[in-house]
Full PDB file with SEQRES, HELIX, SHEET, SSBOND, CRYST1, ORIGX, SCALE, CONECT and MASTER records, all heavy atoms in Angstrom:
SEQRES   1 A   34  ARG ASP LEU GLU ASP LYS SER SER ALA GLN CYS ILE ASP          
SEQRES   2 A   34  GLU LYS CYS PHE ASN LEU ARG ASN THR SER ASP CYS ILE          
SEQRES   3 A   34  SER PHE PHE HIS GLY MET GLU LYS                              
HELIX    1 AA1 ASP A    2  ASN A   18  1                                  17    
CRYST1    1.000    1.000    1.000  90.00  90.00  90.00 P 1           1          
ORIGX1      1.000000  0.000000  0.000000        0.00000                         
ORIGX2      0.000000  1.000000  0.000000        0.00000                         
ORIGX3      0.000000  0.000000  1.000000        0.00000                         
SCALE1      1.000000  0.000000  0.000000        0.00000                         
SCALE2      0.000000  1.000000  0.000000        0.00000                         
SCALE3      0.000000  0.000000  1.000000        0.00000                         
ATOM      1  N   ARG A   1     -15.577 -40.328  85.638  1.00  0.00           N  
ATOM      2  CA  ARG A   1     -16.856 -41.034  85.811  1.00  0.00           C  
ATOM      3  C   ARG A   1     -17.730 -40.331  86.845  1.00  0.00           C  
ATOM      4  O   ARG A   1     -18.944 -40.183  86.652  1.00  0.00           O  
ATOM      5  CB  ARG A   1     -16.593 -42.483  86.227  1.00  0.00           C  
ATOM      6  CG  ARG A   1     -16.127 -43.394  85.101  1.00  0.00           C  
ATOM      7  CD  ARG A   1     -16.228 -44.851  85.516  1.00  0.00           C  
ATOM      8  NE  ARG A   1     -15.418 -45.140  86.692  1.00  0.00           N  
ATOM      9  CZ  ARG A   1     -14.152 -45.536  86.650  1.00  0.00           C  
ATOM     10  NH1 ARG A   1     -13.548 -45.668  85.476  1.00  0.00           N  
ATOM     11  NH2 ARG A   1     -13.481 -45.801  87.757  1.00  0.00           N  
ATOM     12  N   ASP A   2     -17.089 -39.907  87.942  1.00  0.00           N  
ATOM     13  CA  ASP A   2     -17.837 -39.198  88.984  1.00  0.00           C  
ATOM     14  C   ASP A   2     -18.417 -37.898  88.422  1.00  0.00           C  
ATOM     15  O   ASP A   2     -19.595 -37.562  88.647  1.00  0.00           O  
ATOM     16  CB  ASP A   2     -16.915 -38.908  90.167  1.00  0.00           C  
ATOM     17  CG  ASP A   2     -17.695 -38.614  91.445  1.00  0.00           C  
ATOM     18  OD1 ASP A   2     -18.935 -38.476  91.365  1.00  0.00           O  
ATOM     19  OD2 ASP A   2     -17.070 -38.528  92.518  1.00  0.00           O  
ATOM     20  N   LEU A   3     -17.593 -37.166  87.664  1.00  0.00           N  
ATOM     21  CA  LEU A   3     -18.074 -35.921  87.047  1.00  0.00           C  
ATOM     22  C   LEU A   3     -19.207 -36.183  86.056  1.00  0.00           C  
ATOM     23  O   LEU A   3     -20.195 -35.443  86.011  1.00  0.00           O  
ATOM     24  CB  LEU A   3     -16.918 -35.222  86.335  1.00  0.00           C  
ATOM     25  CG  LEU A   3     -16.138 -34.176  87.137  1.00  0.00           C  
ATOM     26  CD1 LEU A   3     -14.921 -33.720  86.355  1.00  0.00           C  
ATOM     27  CD2 LEU A   3     -17.009 -32.986  87.491  1.00  0.00           C  
ATOM     28  N   GLU A   4     -19.041 -37.233  85.272  1.00  0.00           N  
ATOM     29  CA  GLU A   4     -20.070 -37.551  84.282  1.00  0.00           C  
ATOM     30  C   GLU A   4     -21.385 -37.911  84.969  1.00  0.00           C  
ATOM     31  O   GLU A   4     -22.468 -37.466  84.558  1.00  0.00           O  
ATOM     32  CB  GLU A   4     -19.597 -38.710  83.409  1.00  0.00           C  
ATOM     33  CG  GLU A   4     -20.571 -39.070  82.297  1.00  0.00           C  
ATOM     34  CD  GLU A   4     -20.056 -40.198  81.428  1.00  0.00           C  
ATOM     35  OE1 GLU A   4     -18.929 -40.682  81.674  1.00  0.00           O  
ATOM     36  OE2 GLU A   4     -20.791 -40.615  80.508  1.00  0.00           O  
ATOM     37  N   ASP A   5     -21.282 -38.720  86.046  1.00  0.00           N  
ATOM     38  CA  ASP A   5     -22.493 -39.090  86.782  1.00  0.00           C  
ATOM     39  C   ASP A   5     -23.146 -37.857  87.404  1.00  0.00           C  
ATOM     40  O   ASP A   5     -24.371 -37.703  87.372  1.00  0.00           O  
ATOM     41  CB  ASP A   5     -22.156 -40.112  87.873  1.00  0.00           C  
ATOM     42  CG  ASP A   5     -21.770 -41.469  87.289  1.00  0.00           C  
ATOM     43  OD1 ASP A   5     -22.039 -41.683  86.087  1.00  0.00           O  
ATOM     44  OD2 ASP A   5     -21.197 -42.295  88.016  1.00  0.00           O  
ATOM     45  N   LYS A   6     -22.312 -36.977  87.946  1.00  0.00           N  
ATOM     46  CA  LYS A   6     -22.879 -35.781  88.564  1.00  0.00           C  
ATOM     47  C   LYS A   6     -23.480 -34.847  87.526  1.00  0.00           C  
ATOM     48  O   LYS A   6     -24.495 -34.186  87.780  1.00  0.00           O  
ATOM     49  CB  LYS A   6     -21.806 -35.071  89.384  1.00  0.00           C  
ATOM     50  CG  LYS A   6     -21.584 -35.731  90.753  1.00  0.00           C  
ATOM     51  CD  LYS A   6     -20.582 -35.028  91.591  1.00  0.00           C  
ATOM     52  CE  LYS A   6     -20.598 -35.599  93.013  1.00  0.00           C  
ATOM     53  NZ  LYS A   6     -20.486 -37.053  93.058  1.00  0.00           N  
ATOM     54  N   SER A   7     -22.879 -34.791  86.355  1.00  0.00           N  
ATOM     55  CA  SER A   7     -23.463 -33.975  85.287  1.00  0.00           C  
ATOM     56  C   SER A   7     -24.827 -34.533  84.874  1.00  0.00           C  
ATOM     57  O   SER A   7     -25.767 -33.770  84.648  1.00  0.00           O  
ATOM     58  CB  SER A   7     -22.522 -33.934  84.084  1.00  0.00           C  
ATOM     59  OG  SER A   7     -21.326 -33.259  84.412  1.00  0.00           O  
ATOM     60  N   SER A   8     -24.897 -35.862  84.788  1.00  0.00           N  
ATOM     61  CA  SER A   8     -26.185 -36.477  84.434  1.00  0.00           C  
ATOM     62  C   SER A   8     -27.226 -36.201  85.516  1.00  0.00           C  
ATOM     63  O   SER A   8     -28.371 -35.837  85.215  1.00  0.00           O  
ATOM     64  CB  SER A   8     -26.007 -37.984  84.238  1.00  0.00           C  
ATOM     65  OG  SER A   8     -25.118 -38.266  83.182  1.00  0.00           O  
ATOM     66  N   ALA A   9     -26.799 -36.383  86.786  1.00  0.00           N  
ATOM     67  CA  ALA A   9     -27.720 -36.116  87.888  1.00  0.00           C  
ATOM     68  C   ALA A   9     -28.132 -34.647  87.917  1.00  0.00           C  
ATOM     69  O   ALA A   9     -29.302 -34.310  88.168  1.00  0.00           O  
ATOM     70  CB  ALA A   9     -27.076 -36.518  89.216  1.00  0.00           C  
ATOM     71  N   GLN A  10     -27.176 -33.764  87.644  1.00  0.00           N  
ATOM     72  CA  GLN A  10     -27.476 -32.333  87.621  1.00  0.00           C  
ATOM     73  C   GLN A  10     -28.480 -32.002  86.528  1.00  0.00           C  
ATOM     74  O   GLN A  10     -29.412 -31.224  86.735  1.00  0.00           O  
ATOM     75  CB  GLN A  10     -26.192 -31.539  87.418  1.00  0.00           C  
ATOM     76  CG  GLN A  10     -26.366 -30.034  87.530  1.00  0.00           C  
ATOM     77  CD  GLN A  10     -25.059 -29.298  87.328  1.00  0.00           C  
ATOM     78  OE1 GLN A  10     -24.271 -29.644  86.453  1.00  0.00           O  
ATOM     79  NE2 GLN A  10     -24.800 -28.298  88.154  1.00  0.00           N  
ATOM     80  N   CYS A  11     -28.285 -32.622  85.363  1.00  0.00           N  
ATOM     81  CA  CYS A  11     -29.212 -32.394  84.249  1.00  0.00           C  
ATOM     82  C   CYS A  11     -30.619 -32.866  84.614  1.00  0.00           C  
ATOM     83  O   CYS A  11     -31.610 -32.178  84.352  1.00  0.00           O  
ATOM     84  CB  CYS A  11     -28.697 -33.111  83.001  1.00  0.00           C  
ATOM     85  SG  CYS A  11     -29.732 -32.874  81.545  1.00  0.00           S  
ATOM     86  N   ILE A  12     -30.668 -34.045  85.257  1.00  0.00           N  
ATOM     87  CA  ILE A  12     -31.976 -34.589  85.647  1.00  0.00           C  
ATOM     88  C   ILE A  12     -32.636 -33.705  86.699  1.00  0.00           C  
ATOM     89  O   ILE A  12     -33.829 -33.361  86.604  1.00  0.00           O  
ATOM     90  CB  ILE A  12     -31.806 -36.032  86.154  1.00  0.00           C  
ATOM     91  CG1 ILE A  12     -31.390 -36.951  85.001  1.00  0.00           C  
ATOM     92  CG2 ILE A  12     -33.103 -36.531  86.809  1.00  0.00           C  
ATOM     93  CD1 ILE A  12     -30.995 -38.341  85.435  1.00  0.00           C  
ATOM     94  N   ASP A  13     -31.855 -33.326  87.727  1.00  0.00           N  
ATOM     95  CA  ASP A  13     -32.427 -32.509  88.794  1.00  0.00           C  
ATOM     96  C   ASP A  13     -32.785 -31.101  88.312  1.00  0.00           C  
ATOM     97  O   ASP A  13     -33.756 -30.493  88.790  1.00  0.00           O  
ATOM     98  CB  ASP A  13     -31.460 -32.426  89.977  1.00  0.00           C  
ATOM     99  CG  ASP A  13     -31.498 -33.692  90.832  1.00  0.00           C  
ATOM    100  OD1 ASP A  13     -32.407 -34.520  90.596  1.00  0.00           O  
ATOM    101  OD2 ASP A  13     -30.642 -33.860  91.707  1.00  0.00           O  
ATOM    102  N   GLU A  14     -32.020 -30.562  87.369  1.00  0.00           N  
ATOM    103  CA  GLU A  14     -32.391 -29.268  86.789  1.00  0.00           C  
ATOM    104  C   GLU A  14     -33.702 -29.375  86.024  1.00  0.00           C  
ATOM    105  O   GLU A  14     -34.550 -28.467  86.082  1.00  0.00           O  
ATOM    106  CB  GLU A  14     -31.278 -28.779  85.854  1.00  0.00           C  
ATOM    107  CG  GLU A  14     -30.088 -28.191  86.591  1.00  0.00           C  
ATOM    108  CD  GLU A  14     -29.010 -27.724  85.630  1.00  0.00           C  
ATOM    109  OE1 GLU A  14     -29.116 -28.060  84.430  1.00  0.00           O  
ATOM    110  OE2 GLU A  14     -28.073 -27.044  86.080  1.00  0.00           O  
ATOM    111  N   LYS A  15     -33.862 -30.490  85.324  1.00  0.00           N  
ATOM    112  CA  LYS A  15     -35.129 -30.708  84.625  1.00  0.00           C  
ATOM    113  C   LYS A  15     -36.272 -30.795  85.632  1.00  0.00           C  
ATOM    114  O   LYS A  15     -37.333 -30.188  85.446  1.00  0.00           O  
ATOM    115  CB  LYS A  15     -35.051 -31.980  83.793  1.00  0.00           C  
ATOM    116  CG  LYS A  15     -36.341 -32.309  83.049  1.00  0.00           C  
ATOM    117  CD  LYS A  15     -36.193 -33.596  82.252  1.00  0.00           C  
ATOM    118  CE  LYS A  15     -37.519 -33.935  81.555  1.00  0.00           C  
ATOM    119  NZ  LYS A  15     -37.424 -35.196  80.791  1.00  0.00           N  
ATOM    120  N   CYS A  16     -36.037 -31.547  86.710  1.00  0.00           N  
ATOM    121  CA  CYS A  16     -37.071 -31.656  87.748  1.00  0.00           C  
ATOM    122  C   CYS A  16     -37.332 -30.300  88.398  1.00  0.00           C  
ATOM    123  O   CYS A  16     -38.485 -29.944  88.680  1.00  0.00           O  
ATOM    124  CB  CYS A  16     -36.640 -32.674  88.805  1.00  0.00           C  
ATOM    125  SG  CYS A  16     -36.530 -34.380  88.202  1.00  0.00           S  
ATOM    126  N   PHE A  17     -36.256 -29.543  88.653  1.00  0.00           N  
ATOM    127  CA  PHE A  17     -36.391 -28.247  89.296  1.00  0.00           C  
ATOM    128  C   PHE A  17     -37.206 -27.285  88.436  1.00  0.00           C  
ATOM    129  O   PHE A  17     -37.964 -26.457  88.961  1.00  0.00           O  
ATOM    130  CB  PHE A  17     -34.993 -27.669  89.565  1.00  0.00           C  
ATOM    131  CG  PHE A  17     -35.008 -26.332  90.256  1.00  0.00           C  
ATOM    132  CD1 PHE A  17     -35.258 -26.222  91.614  1.00  0.00           C  
ATOM    133  CD2 PHE A  17     -34.783 -25.173  89.527  1.00  0.00           C  
ATOM    134  CE1 PHE A  17     -35.270 -24.986  92.237  1.00  0.00           C  
ATOM    135  CE2 PHE A  17     -34.790 -23.937  90.143  1.00  0.00           C  
ATOM    136  CZ  PHE A  17     -35.036 -23.837  91.513  1.00  0.00           C  
ATOM    137  N   ASN A  18     -37.066 -27.390  87.133  1.00  0.00           N  
ATOM    138  CA  ASN A  18     -37.747 -26.470  86.219  1.00  0.00           C  
ATOM    139  C   ASN A  18     -39.148 -26.938  85.815  1.00  0.00           C  
ATOM    140  O   ASN A  18     -39.835 -26.236  85.079  1.00  0.00           O  
ATOM    141  CB  ASN A  18     -36.907 -26.274  84.954  1.00  0.00           C  
ATOM    142  CG  ASN A  18     -35.622 -25.524  85.243  1.00  0.00           C  
ATOM    143  OD1 ASN A  18     -35.614 -24.595  86.040  1.00  0.00           O  
ATOM    144  ND2 ASN A  18     -34.531 -25.935  84.611  1.00  0.00           N  
ATOM    145  N   LEU A  19     -39.552 -28.122  86.285  1.00  0.00           N  
ATOM    146  CA  LEU A  19     -40.898 -28.584  85.954  1.00  0.00           C  
ATOM    147  C   LEU A  19     -41.948 -27.726  86.652  1.00  0.00           C  
ATOM    148  O   LEU A  19     -41.797 -27.359  87.823  1.00  0.00           O  
ATOM    149  CB  LEU A  19     -41.072 -30.049  86.355  1.00  0.00           C  
ATOM    150  CG  LEU A  19     -40.420 -31.103  85.454  1.00  0.00           C  
ATOM    151  CD1 LEU A  19     -40.642 -32.495  86.031  1.00  0.00           C  
ATOM    152  CD2 LEU A  19     -40.989 -31.024  84.039  1.00  0.00           C  
ATOM    153  N   ARG A  20     -43.001 -27.402  85.944  1.00  0.00           N  
ATOM    154  CA  ARG A  20     -44.133 -26.658  86.485  1.00  0.00           C  
ATOM    155  C   ARG A  20     -45.416 -27.418  86.195  1.00  0.00           C  
ATOM    156  O   ARG A  20     -45.443 -28.359  85.378  1.00  0.00           O  
ATOM    157  CB  ARG A  20     -44.207 -25.256  85.864  1.00  0.00           C  
ATOM    158  CG  ARG A  20     -42.980 -24.386  86.141  1.00  0.00           C  
ATOM    159  CD  ARG A  20     -42.866 -24.052  87.616  1.00  0.00           C  
ATOM    160  NE  ARG A  20     -41.717 -23.183  87.886  1.00  0.00           N  
ATOM    161  CZ  ARG A  20     -40.520 -23.611  88.204  1.00  0.00           C  
ATOM    162  NH1 ARG A  20     -40.300 -24.935  88.300  1.00  0.00           N  
ATOM    163  NH2 ARG A  20     -39.536 -22.770  88.433  1.00  0.00           N  
ATOM    164  N   ASN A  21     -46.465 -26.997  86.862  1.00  0.00           N  
ATOM    165  CA  ASN A  21     -47.752 -27.674  86.639  1.00  0.00           C  
ATOM    166  C   ASN A  21     -48.241 -27.510  85.205  1.00  0.00           C  
ATOM    167  O   ASN A  21     -49.096 -28.271  84.742  1.00  0.00           O  
ATOM    168  CB  ASN A  21     -48.811 -27.126  87.616  1.00  0.00           C  
ATOM    169  CG  ASN A  21     -48.455 -27.424  89.059  1.00  0.00           C  
ATOM    170  OD1 ASN A  21     -47.795 -28.411  89.346  1.00  0.00           O  
ATOM    171  ND2 ASN A  21     -48.876 -26.565  89.977  1.00  0.00           N  
ATOM    172  N   THR A  22     -47.700 -26.503  84.521  1.00  0.00           N  
ATOM    173  CA  THR A  22     -48.133 -26.247  83.136  1.00  0.00           C  
ATOM    174  C   THR A  22     -47.161 -26.842  82.111  1.00  0.00           C  
ATOM    175  O   THR A  22     -47.326 -26.607  80.913  1.00  0.00           O  
ATOM    176  CB  THR A  22     -48.229 -24.732  82.905  1.00  0.00           C  
ATOM    177  OG1 THR A  22     -46.970 -24.118  83.220  1.00  0.00           O  
ATOM    178  CG2 THR A  22     -49.317 -24.124  83.780  1.00  0.00           C  
ATOM    179  N   SER A  23     -46.133 -27.575  82.587  1.00  0.00           N  
ATOM    180  CA  SER A  23     -45.153 -28.146  81.656  1.00  0.00           C  
ATOM    181  C   SER A  23     -45.808 -29.198  80.775  1.00  0.00           C  
ATOM    182  O   SER A  23     -46.719 -29.921  81.199  1.00  0.00           O  
ATOM    183  CB  SER A  23     -43.991 -28.774  82.435  1.00  0.00           C  
ATOM    184  OG  SER A  23     -43.324 -27.789  83.200  1.00  0.00           O  
ATOM    185  N   ASP A  24     -45.317 -29.301  79.551  1.00  0.00           N  
ATOM    186  CA  ASP A  24     -45.895 -30.252  78.590  1.00  0.00           C  
ATOM    187  C   ASP A  24     -45.473 -31.687  78.853  1.00  0.00           C  
ATOM    188  O   ASP A  24     -46.179 -32.628  78.487  1.00  0.00           O  
ATOM    189  CB  ASP A  24     -45.477 -29.871  77.153  1.00  0.00           C  
ATOM    190  CG  ASP A  24     -46.060 -28.531  76.733  1.00  0.00           C  
ATOM    191  OD1 ASP A  24     -47.127 -28.159  77.282  1.00  0.00           O  
ATOM    192  OD2 ASP A  24     -45.461 -27.873  75.877  1.00  0.00           O  
ATOM    193  N   CYS A  25     -44.321 -31.866  79.495  1.00  0.00           N  
ATOM    194  CA  CYS A  25     -43.753 -33.211  79.596  1.00  0.00           C  
ATOM    195  C   CYS A  25     -44.169 -33.963  80.854  1.00  0.00           C  
ATOM    196  O   CYS A  25     -43.664 -35.062  81.113  1.00  0.00           O  
ATOM    197  CB  CYS A  25     -42.225 -33.127  79.537  1.00  0.00           C  
ATOM    198  SG  CYS A  25     -41.515 -32.056  80.799  1.00  0.00           S  
ATOM    199  N   ILE A  26     -45.028 -33.381  81.670  1.00  0.00           N  
ATOM    200  CA  ILE A  26     -45.438 -34.082  82.892  1.00  0.00           C  
ATOM    201  C   ILE A  26     -46.530 -35.090  82.574  1.00  0.00           C  
ATOM    202  O   ILE A  26     -47.289 -34.938  81.624  1.00  0.00           O  
ATOM    203  CB  ILE A  26     -45.914 -33.087  83.971  1.00  0.00           C  
ATOM    204  CG1 ILE A  26     -47.117 -32.273  83.467  1.00  0.00           C  
ATOM    205  CG2 ILE A  26     -44.789 -32.155  84.376  1.00  0.00           C  
ATOM    206  CD1 ILE A  26     -47.713 -31.350  84.515  1.00  0.00           C  
ATOM    207  N   SER A  27     -46.566 -36.159  83.369  1.00  0.00           N  
ATOM    208  CA  SER A  27     -47.563 -37.217  83.147  1.00  0.00           C  
ATOM    209  C   SER A  27     -47.724 -37.995  84.440  1.00  0.00           C  
ATOM    210  O   SER A  27     -47.017 -37.749  85.433  1.00  0.00           O  
ATOM    211  CB  SER A  27     -47.109 -38.135  82.006  1.00  0.00           C  
ATOM    212  OG  SER A  27     -48.070 -39.136  81.772  1.00  0.00           O  
ATOM    213  N   PHE A  28     -48.675 -38.934  84.442  1.00  0.00           N  
ATOM    214  CA  PHE A  28     -48.896 -39.803  85.596  1.00  0.00           C  
ATOM    215  C   PHE A  28     -47.948 -40.988  85.514  1.00  0.00           C  
ATOM    216  O   PHE A  28     -47.798 -41.607  84.450  1.00  0.00           O  
ATOM    217  CB  PHE A  28     -50.340 -40.297  85.644  1.00  0.00           C  
ATOM    218  CG  PHE A  28     -51.332 -39.213  86.013  1.00  0.00           C  
ATOM    219  CD1 PHE A  28     -52.196 -38.705  85.061  1.00  0.00           C  
ATOM    220  CD2 PHE A  28     -51.396 -38.709  87.308  1.00  0.00           C  
ATOM    221  CE1 PHE A  28     -53.107 -37.727  85.385  1.00  0.00           C  
ATOM    222  CE2 PHE A  28     -52.298 -37.714  87.636  1.00  0.00           C  
ATOM    223  CZ  PHE A  28     -53.154 -37.219  86.681  1.00  0.00           C  
ATOM    224  N   PHE A  29     -47.284 -41.320  86.619  1.00  0.00           N  
ATOM    225  CA  PHE A  29     -46.464 -42.520  86.738  1.00  0.00           C  
ATOM    226  C   PHE A  29     -46.879 -43.203  88.055  1.00  0.00           C  
ATOM    227  O   PHE A  29     -46.225 -43.047  89.087  1.00  0.00           O  
ATOM    228  CB  PHE A  29     -44.969 -42.167  86.754  1.00  0.00           C  
ATOM    229  CG  PHE A  29     -44.487 -41.578  85.471  1.00  0.00           C  
ATOM    230  CD1 PHE A  29     -44.467 -40.195  85.284  1.00  0.00           C  
ATOM    231  CD2 PHE A  29     -44.059 -42.389  84.445  1.00  0.00           C  
ATOM    232  CE1 PHE A  29     -44.026 -39.641  84.101  1.00  0.00           C  
ATOM    233  CE2 PHE A  29     -43.607 -41.842  83.245  1.00  0.00           C  
ATOM    234  CZ  PHE A  29     -43.600 -40.471  83.078  1.00  0.00           C  
ATOM    235  N   HIS A  30     -47.952 -43.923  87.986  1.00  0.00           N  
ATOM    236  CA  HIS A  30     -48.523 -44.522  89.189  1.00  0.00           C  
ATOM    237  C   HIS A  30     -47.570 -45.550  89.802  1.00  0.00           C  
ATOM    238  O   HIS A  30     -46.971 -46.358  89.092  1.00  0.00           O  
ATOM    239  CB  HIS A  30     -49.857 -45.193  88.854  1.00  0.00           C  
ATOM    240  CG  HIS A  30     -50.902 -44.228  88.355  1.00  0.00           C  
ATOM    241  ND1 HIS A  30     -51.492 -43.260  89.150  1.00  0.00           N  
ATOM    242  CD2 HIS A  30     -51.442 -44.068  87.114  1.00  0.00           C  
ATOM    243  CE1 HIS A  30     -52.357 -42.560  88.449  1.00  0.00           C  
ATOM    244  NE2 HIS A  30     -52.346 -43.029  87.182  1.00  0.00           N  
ATOM    245  N   GLY A  31     -47.443 -45.501  91.099  1.00  0.00           N  
ATOM    246  CA  GLY A  31     -46.636 -46.471  91.830  1.00  0.00           C  
ATOM    247  C   GLY A  31     -45.175 -46.103  91.971  1.00  0.00           C  
ATOM    248  O   GLY A  31     -44.411 -46.829  92.619  1.00  0.00           O  
ATOM    249  N   MET A  32     -44.739 -44.988  91.346  1.00  0.00           N  
ATOM    250  CA  MET A  32     -43.327 -44.613  91.416  1.00  0.00           C  
ATOM    251  C   MET A  32     -42.905 -44.292  92.847  1.00  0.00           C  
ATOM    252  O   MET A  32     -41.735 -44.478  93.211  1.00  0.00           O  
ATOM    253  CB  MET A  32     -43.054 -43.406  90.522  1.00  0.00           C  
ATOM    254  CG  MET A  32     -43.129 -43.703  89.024  1.00  0.00           C  
ATOM    255  SD  MET A  32     -42.017 -45.019  88.501  1.00  0.00           S  
ATOM    256  CE  MET A  32     -40.436 -44.319  88.954  1.00  0.00           C  
ATOM    257  N   GLU A  33     -43.842 -43.801  93.653  1.00  0.00           N  
ATOM    258  CA  GLU A  33     -43.488 -43.446  95.027  1.00  0.00           C  
ATOM    259  C   GLU A  33     -43.159 -44.676  95.873  1.00  0.00           C  
ATOM    260  O   GLU A  33     -42.554 -44.566  96.948  1.00  0.00           O  
ATOM    261  CB  GLU A  33     -44.638 -42.661  95.676  1.00  0.00           C  
ATOM    262  CG  GLU A  33     -45.916 -43.468  95.902  1.00  0.00           C  
ATOM    263  CD  GLU A  33     -46.777 -43.553  94.638  1.00  0.00           C  
ATOM    264  OE1 GLU A  33     -46.345 -43.028  93.585  1.00  0.00           O  
ATOM    265  OE2 GLU A  33     -47.875 -44.157  94.713  1.00  0.00           O  
ATOM    266  N   LYS A  34     -43.529 -45.864  95.380  1.00  0.00           N  
ATOM    267  CA  LYS A  34     -43.256 -47.101  96.123  1.00  0.00           C  
ATOM    268  C   LYS A  34     -41.929 -47.732  95.719  1.00  0.00           C  
ATOM    269  O   LYS A  34     -41.510 -48.707  96.331  1.00  0.00           O  
ATOM    270  CB  LYS A  34     -44.392 -48.097  95.898  1.00  0.00           C  
ATOM    271  CG  LYS A  34     -45.752 -47.574  96.356  1.00  0.00           C  
ATOM    272  CD  LYS A  34     -46.853 -48.574  96.029  1.00  0.00           C  
ATOM    273  CE  LYS A  34     -48.218 -48.027  96.435  1.00  0.00           C  
ATOM    274  NZ  LYS A  34     -49.313 -48.975  96.087  1.00  0.00           N  
TER     275      LYS A  34                                                      
MASTER        0    0    0    1    0    0    0    6  274    1    0    3          
END                                                                             
């Protein structure tokens, strides 16, 4: 379970790490910082 959770987190953080200002999948999510 720990490995699976870390794999999921790794996948998410890798996606975040690879995001650029020109990426197609970026969008506005107002209020998320709160």
